[in-house]
PDB file of N, CA and C in Angstrom:
ATOM      1  N   MET A   1       0.830  -1.178   0.000  1.00  0.00           N
ATOM      2  CA  MET A   1       0.000   0.000   0.000  1.00  0.00           C
ATOM      3  C   MET A   1       0.876   1.244   0.000  1.00  0.00           C
ATOM      4  N   ALA A   2       0.379   2.317  -0.520  1.00  0.00           N
ATOM      5  CA  ALA A   2       1.150   3.541  -0.704  1.00  0.00           C
ATOM      6  C   ALA A   2       1.295   4.353   0.568  1.00  0.00           C
ATOM      7  N   LEU A   3       0.446   4.150   1.553  1.00  0.00           N
ATOM      8  CA  LEU A   3       0.495   4.962   2.761  1.00  0.00           C
ATOM      9  C   LEU A   3       1.674   4.554   3.635  1.00  0.00           C
ATOM     10  N   GLU A   4       2.375   5.548   4.153  1.00  0.00           N
ATOM     11  CA  GLU A   4       3.504   5.301   5.025  1.00  0.00           C
ATOM     12  C   GLU A   4       3.329   6.095   6.312  1.00  0.00           C
ATOM     13  N   LYS A   5       4.059   5.708   7.348  1.00  0.00           N
ATOM     14  CA  LYS A   5       3.998   6.443   8.608  1.00  0.00           C
ATOM     15  C   LYS A   5       4.361   7.897   8.349  1.00  0.00           C
ATOM     16  N   GLU A   6       3.703   8.797   9.049  1.00  0.00           N
ATOM     17  CA  GLU A   6       3.901  10.235   8.920  1.00  0.00           C
ATOM     18  C   GLU A   6       3.245  10.802   7.655  1.00  0.00           C
ATOM     19  N   GLU A   7       2.523   9.998   6.932  1.00  0.00           N
ATOM     20  CA  GLU A   7       1.847  10.505   5.745  1.00  0.00           C
ATOM     21  C   GLU A   7       0.616  11.297   6.154  1.00  0.00           C
ATOM     22  N   ARG A   8       0.281  12.274   5.347  1.00  0.00           N
ATOM     23  CA  ARG A   8      -0.889  13.111   5.595  1.00  0.00           C
ATOM     24  C   ARG A   8      -1.863  12.971   4.434  1.00  0.00           C
ATOM     25  N   ILE A   9      -3.147  13.060   4.774  1.00  0.00           N
ATOM     26  CA  ILE A   9      -4.178  13.029   3.746  1.00  0.00           C
ATOM     27  C   ILE A   9      -5.185  14.141   4.029  1.00  0.00           C
ATOM     28  N   VAL A  10      -5.876  14.564   2.991  1.00  0.00           N
ATOM     29  CA  VAL A  10      -6.913  15.581   3.107  1.00  0.00           C
ATOM     30  C   VAL A  10      -8.258  14.879   2.995  1.00  0.00           C
ATOM     31  N   ILE A  11      -9.139  15.150   3.968  1.00  0.00           N
ATOM     32  CA  ILE A  11     -10.468  14.542   3.982  1.00  0.00           C
ATOM     33  C   ILE A  11     -11.497  15.660   4.061  1.00  0.00           C
ATOM     34  N   PRO A  12     -12.426  15.713   3.096  1.00  0.00           N
ATOM     35  CA  PRO A  12     -13.482  16.730   3.168  1.00  0.00           C
ATOM     36  C   PRO A  12     -14.560  16.318   4.165  1.00  0.00           C
ATOM     37  N   ASP A  13     -15.148  17.313   4.854  1.00  0.00           N
ATOM     38  CA  ASP A  13     -16.250  17.017   5.761  1.00  0.00           C
ATOM     39  C   ASP A  13     -17.569  17.084   4.999  1.00  0.00           C
ATOM     40  N   GLU A  14     -18.679  16.950   5.734  1.00  0.00           N
ATOM     41  CA  GLU A  14     -19.999  16.922   5.089  1.00  0.00           C
ATOM     42  C   GLU A  14     -20.344  18.234   4.390  1.00  0.00           C
ATOM     43  N   ASN A  15     -19.633  19.316   4.732  1.00  0.00           N
ATOM     44  CA  ASN A  15     -19.870  20.617   4.100  1.00  0.00           C
ATOM     45  C   ASN A  15     -18.909  20.876   2.941  1.00  0.00           C
ATOM     46  N   GLY A  16     -18.047  19.903   2.653  1.00  0.00           N
ATOM     47  CA  GLY A  16     -17.087  20.054   1.571  1.00  0.00           C
ATOM     48  C   GLY A  16     -15.805  20.763   1.986  1.00  0.00           C
ATOM     49  N   GLU A  17     -15.707  21.138   3.262  1.00  0.00           N
ATOM     50  CA  GLU A  17     -14.496  21.795   3.763  1.00  0.00           C
ATOM     51  C   GLU A  17     -13.411  20.745   3.968  1.00  0.00           C
ATOM     52  N   GLU A  18     -12.211  21.012   3.468  1.00  0.00           N
ATOM     53  CA  GLU A  18     -11.132  20.034   3.544  1.00  0.00           C
ATOM     54  C   GLU A  18     -10.321  20.197   4.827  1.00  0.00           C
ATOM     55  N   HIS A  19      -9.932  19.048   5.416  1.00  0.00           N
ATOM     56  CA  HIS A  19      -9.156  19.024   6.657  1.00  0.00           C
ATOM     57  C   HIS A  19      -7.960  18.098   6.468  1.00  0.00           C
ATOM     58  N   LEU A  20      -6.820  18.498   7.022  1.00  0.00           N
ATOM     59  CA  LEU A  20      -5.591  17.722   6.918  1.00  0.00           C
ATOM     60  C   LEU A  20      -5.476  16.767   8.104  1.00  0.00           C
ATOM     61  N   PHE A  21      -5.170  15.509   7.824  1.00  0.00           N
ATOM     62  CA  PHE A  21      -5.032  14.477   8.848  1.00  0.00           C
ATOM     63  C   PHE A  21      -3.706  13.753   8.681  1.00  0.00           C
ATOM     64  N   GLU A  22      -3.157  13.302   9.808  1.00  0.00           N
ATOM     65  CA  GLU A  22      -1.973  12.445   9.794  1.00  0.00           C
ATOM     66  C   GLU A  22      -2.426  11.005   9.934  1.00  0.00           C
ATOM     67  N   VAL A  23      -1.857  10.133   9.121  1.00  0.00           N
ATOM     68  CA  VAL A  23      -2.202   8.717   9.147  1.00  0.00           C
ATOM     69  C   VAL A  23      -1.471   8.055  10.314  1.00  0.00           C
ATOM     70  N   LEU A  24      -2.243   7.424  11.206  1.00  0.00           N
ATOM     71  CA  LEU A  24      -1.648   6.671  12.312  1.00  0.00           C
ATOM     72  C   LEU A  24      -1.229   5.287  11.844  1.00  0.00           C
ATOM     73  N   PHE A  25      -2.177   4.594  11.220  1.00  0.00           N
ATOM     74  CA  PHE A  25      -1.896   3.258  10.705  1.00  0.00           C
ATOM     75  C   PHE A  25      -3.003   2.821   9.761  1.00  0.00           C
ATOM     76  N   THR A  26      -2.690   1.800   9.010  1.00  0.00           N
ATOM     77  CA  THR A  26      -3.680   1.133   8.162  1.00  0.00           C
ATOM     78  C   THR A  26      -3.565  -0.358   8.437  1.00  0.00           C
ATOM     79  N   PHE A  27      -4.655  -1.060   8.224  1.00  0.00           N
ATOM     80  CA  PHE A  27      -4.600  -2.516   8.357  1.00  0.00           C
ATOM     81  C   PHE A  27      -5.690  -3.152   7.501  1.00  0.00           C
ATOM     82  N   ASP A  28      -5.437  -4.397   7.124  1.00  0.00           N
ATOM     83  CA  ASP A  28      -6.370  -5.163   6.311  1.00  0.00           C
ATOM     84  C   ASP A  28      -6.935  -6.303   7.144  1.00  0.00           C
ATOM     85  N   VAL A  29      -8.177  -6.646   6.888  1.00  0.00           N
ATOM     86  CA  VAL A  29      -8.812  -7.782   7.550  1.00  0.00           C
ATOM     87  C   VAL A  29      -9.063  -8.834   6.478  1.00  0.00           C
ATOM     88  N   GLU A  30      -8.262  -9.889   6.518  1.00  0.00           N
ATOM     89  CA  GLU A  30      -8.363 -10.926   5.489  1.00  0.00           C
ATOM     90  C   GLU A  30      -9.743 -11.575   5.451  1.00  0.00           C
ATOM     91  N   LYS A  31     -10.315 -11.767   6.625  1.00  0.00           N
ATOM     92  CA  LYS A  31     -11.616 -12.448   6.731  1.00  0.00           C
ATOM     93  C   LYS A  31     -12.713 -11.721   5.943  1.00  0.00           C
ATOM     94  N   THR A  32     -12.695 -10.389   5.994  1.00  0.00           N
ATOM     95  CA  THR A  32     -13.731  -9.608   5.304  1.00  0.00           C
ATOM     96  C   THR A  32     -13.253  -9.026   3.980  1.00  0.00           C
ATOM     97  N   GLY A  33     -11.926  -8.947   3.807  1.00  0.00           N
ATOM     98  CA  GLY A  33     -11.383  -8.338   2.608  1.00  0.00           C
ATOM     99  C   GLY A  33     -11.394  -6.822   2.648  1.00  0.00           C
ATOM    100  N   HIS A  34     -11.681  -6.232   3.815  1.00  0.00           N
ATOM    101  CA  HIS A  34     -11.732  -4.777   3.943  1.00  0.00           C
ATOM    102  C   HIS A  34     -10.416  -4.229   4.491  1.00  0.00           C
ATOM    103  N   SER A  35     -10.152  -2.972   4.146  1.00  0.00           N
ATOM    104  CA  SER A  35      -8.992  -2.257   4.655  1.00  0.00           C
ATOM    105  C   SER A  35      -9.476  -1.076   5.484  1.00  0.00           C
ATOM    106  N   TYR A  36      -8.699  -0.731   6.514  1.00  0.00           N
ATOM    107  CA  TYR A  36      -9.081   0.342   7.429  1.00  0.00           C
ATOM    108  C   TYR A  36      -7.921   1.305   7.614  1.00  0.00           C
ATOM    109  N   ILE A  37      -8.267   2.556   7.928  1.00  0.00           N
ATOM    110  CA  ILE A  37      -7.269   3.592   8.159  1.00  0.00           C
ATOM    111  C   ILE A  37      -7.674   4.377   9.408  1.00  0.00           C
ATOM    112  N   ALA A  38      -6.693   4.682  10.247  1.00  0.00           N
ATOM    113  CA  ALA A  38      -6.925   5.516  11.433  1.00  0.00           C
ATOM    114  C   ALA A  38      -6.107   6.782  11.263  1.00  0.00           C
ATOM    115  N   VAL A  39      -6.744   7.930  11.507  1.00  0.00           N
ATOM    116  CA  VAL A  39      -6.098   9.224  11.311  1.00  0.00           C
ATOM    117  C   VAL A  39      -6.384  10.144  12.489  1.00  0.00           C
ATOM    118  N   VAL A  40      -5.530  11.159  12.656  1.00  0.00           N
ATOM    119  CA  VAL A  40      -5.740  12.211  13.650  1.00  0.00           C
ATOM    120  C   VAL A  40      -5.591  13.552  12.950  1.00  0.00           C
ATOM    121  N   PRO A  41      -6.293  14.579  13.432  1.00  0.00           N
ATOM    122  CA  PRO A  41      -6.154  15.904  12.824  1.00  0.00           C
ATOM    123  C   PRO A  41      -4.704  16.380  12.899  1.00  0.00           C
ATOM    124  N   ALA A  42      -4.178  16.883  11.808  1.00  0.00           N
ATOM    125  CA  ALA A  42      -2.784  17.329  11.761  1.00  0.00           C
ATOM    126  C   ALA A  42      -2.561  18.582  12.580  1.00  0.00           C
ATOM    127  N   GLU A  43      -3.595  19.412  12.733  1.00  0.00           N
ATOM    128  CA  GLU A  43      -3.381  20.678  13.404  1.00  0.00           C
ATOM    129  C   GLU A  43      -3.639  20.644  14.905  1.00  0.00           C
ATOM    130  N   GLN A  44      -3.830  19.483  15.504  1.00  0.00           N
ATOM    131  CA  GLN A  44      -4.086  19.461  16.945  1.00  0.00           C
ATOM    132  C   GLN A  44      -2.801  19.744  17.721  1.00  0.00           C
ATOM    133  N   LYS A  45      -2.962  20.320  18.867  1.00  0.00           N
ATOM    134  CA  LYS A  45      -1.832  20.710  19.707  1.00  0.00           C
ATOM    135  C   LYS A  45      -1.304  19.486  20.460  1.00  0.00           C
ATOM    136  N   GLU A  46      -0.030  19.543  20.833  1.00  0.00           N
ATOM    137  CA  GLU A  46       0.621  18.408  21.492  1.00  0.00           C
ATOM    138  C   GLU A  46      -0.030  18.011  22.803  1.00  0.00           C
ATOM    139  N   ASN A  47      -0.480  18.970  23.584  1.00  0.00           N
ATOM    140  CA  ASN A  47      -1.039  18.675  24.902  1.00  0.00           C
ATOM    141  C   ASN A  47      -2.519  18.323  24.864  1.00  0.00           C
ATOM    142  N   GLU A  48      -3.145  18.438  23.726  1.00  0.00           N
ATOM    143  CA  GLU A  48      -4.569  18.129  23.611  1.00  0.00           C
ATOM    144  C   GLU A  48      -4.801  16.621  23.602  1.00  0.00           C
ATOM    145  N   GLU A  49      -5.990  16.233  24.043  1.00  0.00           N
ATOM    146  CA  GLU A  49      -6.376  14.832  23.947  1.00  0.00           C
ATOM    147  C   GLU A  49      -6.520  14.481  22.470  1.00  0.00           C
ATOM    148  N   VAL A  50      -6.007  13.348  22.080  1.00  0.00           N
ATOM    149  CA  VAL A  50      -6.008  12.951  20.681  1.00  0.00           C
ATOM    150  C   VAL A  50      -7.364  12.378  20.300  1.00  0.00           C
ATOM    151  N   GLU A  51      -7.950  12.926  19.250  1.00  0.00           N
ATOM    152  CA  GLU A  51      -9.192  12.389  18.714  1.00  0.00           C
ATOM    153  C   GLU A  51      -8.844  11.596  17.455  1.00  0.00           C
ATOM    154  N   VAL A  52      -9.116  10.298  17.488  1.00  0.00           N
ATOM    155  CA  VAL A  52      -8.777   9.417  16.378  1.00  0.00           C
ATOM    156  C   VAL A  52     -10.032   9.161  15.544  1.00  0.00           C
ATOM    157  N   PHE A  53      -9.875   9.247  14.240  1.00  0.00           N
ATOM    158  CA  PHE A  53     -10.951   8.944  13.305  1.00  0.00           C
ATOM    159  C   PHE A  53     -10.559   7.706  12.520  1.00  0.00           C
ATOM    160  N   ALA A  54     -11.513   6.837  12.280  1.00  0.00           N
ATOM    161  CA  ALA A  54     -11.229   5.616  11.530  1.00  0.00           C
ATOM    162  C   ALA A  54     -12.250   5.464  10.406  1.00  0.00           C
ATOM    163  N   PHE A  55     -11.771   4.917   9.298  1.00  0.00           N
ATOM    164  CA  PHE A  55     -12.601   4.699   8.116  1.00  0.00           C
ATOM    165  C   PHE A  55     -12.240   3.372   7.476  1.00  0.00           C
ATOM    166  N   ARG A  56     -13.206   2.791   6.799  1.00  0.00           N
ATOM    167  CA  ARG A  56     -12.906   1.700   5.878  1.00  0.00           C
ATOM    168  C   ARG A  56     -12.527   2.380   4.578  1.00  0.00           C
ATOM    169  N   TYR A  57     -11.545   1.842   3.866  1.00  0.00           N
ATOM    170  CA  TYR A  57     -11.139   2.491   2.621  1.00  0.00           C
ATOM    171  C   TYR A  57     -10.901   1.479   1.506  1.00  0.00           C
ATOM    172  N   GLU A  58     -10.927   1.999   0.303  1.00  0.00           N
ATOM    173  CA  GLU A  58     -10.574   1.231  -0.892  1.00  0.00           C
ATOM    174  C   GLU A  58      -9.685   2.110  -1.748  1.00  0.00           C
ATOM    175  N   GLU A  59      -8.603   1.513  -2.256  1.00  0.00           N
ATOM    176  CA  GLU A  59      -7.738   2.238  -3.181  1.00  0.00           C
ATOM    177  C   GLU A  59      -8.344   2.134  -4.574  1.00  0.00           C
ATOM    178  N   LYS A  60      -8.264   3.218  -5.321  1.00  0.00           N
ATOM    179  CA  LYS A  60      -8.708   3.180  -6.715  1.00  0.00           C
ATOM    180  C   LYS A  60      -7.711   2.317  -7.486  1.00  0.00           C
ATOM    181  N   GLU A  61      -8.218   1.428  -8.317  1.00  0.00           N
ATOM    182  CA  GLU A  61      -7.343   0.501  -9.044  1.00  0.00           C
ATOM    183  C   GLU A  61      -6.320   1.212  -9.908  1.00  0.00           C
ATOM    184  N   ASP A  62      -6.701   2.323 -10.511  1.00  0.00           N
ATOM    185  CA  ASP A  62      -5.809   3.014 -11.432  1.00  0.00           C
ATOM    186  C   ASP A  62      -4.909   4.041 -10.748  1.00  0.00           C
ATOM    187  N   ASP A  63      -5.113   4.286  -9.449  1.00  0.00           N
ATOM    188  CA  ASP A  63      -4.347   5.331  -8.768  1.00  0.00           C
ATOM    189  C   ASP A  63      -4.283   5.032  -7.276  1.00  0.00           C
ATOM    190  N   GLU A  64      -3.163   4.466  -6.811  1.00  0.00           N
ATOM    191  CA  GLU A  64      -3.081   4.091  -5.396  1.00  0.00           C
ATOM    192  C   GLU A  64      -2.947   5.290  -4.467  1.00  0.00           C
ATOM    193  N   GLU A  65      -2.769   6.483  -5.008  1.00  0.00           N
ATOM    194  CA  GLU A  65      -2.745   7.692  -4.187  1.00  0.00           C
ATOM    195  C   GLU A  65      -4.156   8.194  -3.900  1.00  0.00           C
ATOM    196  N   ASN A  66      -5.154   7.677  -4.585  1.00  0.00           N
ATOM    197  CA  ASN A  66      -6.533   8.140  -4.461  1.00  0.00           C
ATOM    198  C   ASN A  66      -7.340   7.089  -3.703  1.00  0.00           C
ATOM    199  N   LEU A  67      -7.845   7.455  -2.533  1.00  0.00           N
ATOM    200  CA  LEU A  67      -8.600   6.524  -1.694  1.00  0.00           C
ATOM    201  C   LEU A  67     -10.067   6.915  -1.659  1.00  0.00           C
ATOM    202  N   SER A  68     -10.922   5.904  -1.564  1.00  0.00           N
ATOM    203  CA  SER A  68     -12.338   6.130  -1.268  1.00  0.00           C
ATOM    204  C   SER A  68     -12.539   5.746   0.186  1.00  0.00           C
ATOM    205  N   LEU A  69     -13.045   6.689   0.988  1.00  0.00           N
ATOM    206  CA  LEU A  69     -13.266   6.438   2.410  1.00  0.00           C
ATOM    207  C   LEU A  69     -14.740   6.188   2.678  1.00  0.00           C
ATOM    208  N   TYR A  70     -15.016   5.261   3.600  1.00  0.00           N
ATOM    209  CA  TYR A  70     -16.378   4.909   3.972  1.00  0.00           C
ATOM    210  C   TYR A  70     -16.481   4.935   5.491  1.00  0.00           C
ATOM    211  N   GLN A  71     -17.547   5.508   5.999  1.00  0.00           N
ATOM    212  CA  GLN A  71     -17.748   5.527   7.444  1.00  0.00           C
ATOM    213  C   GLN A  71     -17.987   4.113   7.952  1.00  0.00           C
ATOM    214  N   ILE A  72     -17.501   3.859   9.147  1.00  0.00           N
ATOM    215  CA  ILE A  72     -17.719   2.564   9.792  1.00  0.00           C
ATOM    216  C   ILE A  72     -19.062   2.656  10.503  1.00  0.00           C
ATOM    217  N   GLU A  73     -19.974   1.783  10.133  1.00  0.00           N
ATOM    218  CA  GLU A  73     -21.331   1.891  10.648  1.00  0.00           C
ATOM    219  C   GLU A  73     -21.734   0.783  11.606  1.00  0.00           C
ATOM    220  N   SER A  74     -21.101  -0.374  11.517  1.00  0.00           N
ATOM    221  CA  SER A  74     -21.528  -1.471  12.379  1.00  0.00           C
ATOM    222  C   SER A  74     -20.704  -1.512  13.667  1.00  0.00           C
ATOM    223  N   ASP A  75     -21.337  -1.936  14.746  1.00  0.00           N
ATOM    224  CA  ASP A  75     -20.650  -2.070  16.034  1.00  0.00           C
ATOM    225  C   ASP A  75     -19.511  -3.077  15.935  1.00  0.00           C
ATOM    226  N   GLN A  76     -19.716  -4.122  15.147  1.00  0.00           N
ATOM    227  CA  GLN A  76     -18.703  -5.159  14.993  1.00  0.00           C
ATOM    228  C   GLN A  76     -17.432  -4.573  14.365  1.00  0.00           C
ATOM    229  N   GLU A  77     -17.598  -3.741  13.338  1.00  0.00           N
ATOM    230  CA  GLU A  77     -16.433  -3.106  12.714  1.00  0.00           C
ATOM    231  C   GLU A  77     -15.732  -2.169  13.691  1.00  0.00           C
ATOM    232  N   TRP A  78     -16.507  -1.376  14.443  1.00  0.00           N
ATOM    233  CA  TRP A  78     -15.912  -0.445  15.418  1.00  0.00           C
ATOM    234  C   TRP A  78     -15.110  -1.193  16.461  1.00  0.00           C
ATOM    235  N   GLU A  79     -15.658  -2.292  16.963  1.00  0.00           N
ATOM    236  CA  GLU A  79     -14.954  -3.078  17.974  1.00  0.00           C
ATOM    237  C   GLU A  79     -13.625  -3.593  17.433  1.00  0.00           C
ATOM    238  N   MET A  80     -13.622  -4.041  16.183  1.00  0.00           N
ATOM    239  CA  MET A  80     -12.410  -4.555  15.561  1.00  0.00           C
ATOM    240  C   MET A  80     -11.365  -3.441  15.417  1.00  0.00           C
ATOM    241  N   VAL A  81     -11.786  -2.259  14.978  1.00  0.00           N
ATOM    242  CA  VAL A  81     -10.874  -1.133  14.818  1.00  0.00           C
ATOM    243  C   VAL A  81     -10.339  -0.680  16.168  1.00  0.00           C
ATOM    244  N   GLU A  82     -11.198  -0.592  17.175  1.00  0.00           N
ATOM    245  CA  GLU A  82     -10.756  -0.199  18.514  1.00  0.00           C
ATOM    246  C   GLU A  82      -9.758  -1.196  19.082  1.00  0.00           C
ATOM    247  N   GLU A  83     -10.002  -2.481  18.862  1.00  0.00           N
ATOM    248  CA  GLU A  83      -9.079  -3.507  19.347  1.00  0.00           C
ATOM    249  C   GLU A  83      -7.711  -3.353  18.684  1.00  0.00           C
ATOM    250  N   MET A  84      -7.715  -3.094  17.371  1.00  0.00           N
ATOM    251  CA  MET A  84      -6.455  -2.909  16.650  1.00  0.00           C
ATOM    252  C   MET A  84      -5.740  -1.650  17.153  1.00  0.00           C
ATOM    253  N   LEU A  85      -6.477  -0.568  17.365  1.00  0.00           N
ATOM    254  CA  LEU A  85      -5.887   0.673  17.875  1.00  0.00           C
ATOM    255  C   LEU A  85      -5.282   0.445  19.257  1.00  0.00           C
ATOM    256  N   ASN A  86      -5.999  -0.231  20.133  1.00  0.00           N
ATOM    257  CA  ASN A  86      -5.486  -0.527  21.473  1.00  0.00           C
ATOM    258  C   ASN A  86      -4.235  -1.396  21.412  1.00  0.00           C
ATOM    259  N   THR A  87      -4.229  -2.370  20.516  1.00  0.00           N
ATOM    260  CA  THR A  87      -3.065  -3.248  20.366  1.00  0.00           C
ATOM    261  C   THR A  87      -1.859  -2.456  19.904  1.00  0.00           C
ATOM    262  N   LEU A  88      -2.036  -1.615  18.894  1.00  0.00           N
ATOM    263  CA  LEU A  88      -0.922  -0.835  18.369  1.00  0.00           C
ATOM    264  C   LEU A  88      -0.456   0.216  19.366  1.00  0.00           C
ATOM    265  N   THR A  89      -1.378   0.813  20.117  1.00  0.00           N
ATOM    266  CA  THR A  89      -1.008   1.794  21.132  1.00  0.00           C
ATOM    267  C   THR A  89      -0.203   1.131  22.245  1.00  0.00           C
ATOM    268  N   ASP A  90      -0.640  -0.047  22.666  1.00  0.00           N
ATOM    269  CA  ASP A  90       0.084  -0.779  23.707  1.00  0.00           C
ATOM    270  C   ASP A  90       1.492  -1.119  23.244  1.00  0.00           C
ATOM    271  N   GLU A  91       1.647  -1.501  21.982  1.00  0.00           N
ATOM    272  CA  GLU A  91       2.959  -1.837  21.441  1.00  0.00           C
ATOM    273  C   GLU A  91       3.857  -0.614  21.407  1.00  0.00           C
ATOM    274  N   ASP A  92       3.313   0.552  21.077  1.00  0.00           N
ATOM    275  CA  ASP A  92       4.094   1.787  21.019  1.00  0.00           C
ATOM    276  C   ASP A  92       4.572   2.212  22.396  1.00  0.00           C
ATOM    277  N   LEU A  93       3.790   1.897  23.431  1.00  0.00           N
ATOM    278  CA  LEU A  93       4.145   2.318  24.791  1.00  0.00           C
ATOM    279  C   LEU A  93       5.181   1.415  25.427  1.00  0.00           C
ATOM    280  N   THR A  94       5.365   0.220  24.890  1.00  0.00           N
ATOM    281  CA  THR A  94       6.340  -0.699  25.499  1.00  0.00           C
ATOM    282  C   THR A  94       7.661  -0.673  24.795  1.00  0.00           C
TER     283      THR A  94
END
């Protein structure tokens, strides 16, 4: 995949306003065939509590720099993403 640590992406909100985010991590779930991305706002201050956003994504076949993002709607998907985030956070702290 084209995304690397420290990479930034622009995500438009529901009003079409664009916001810059830093990519925390991406992961694939073989069982479902879906890919997920976790991001944080790039402009947040160091001492602020971190707000993490997660999406299911698909890379465009003809352009791996262009992603289609989808909101995570099911509780099962959220639990899986939260578990992965907790696992990766725990690994970073040790």
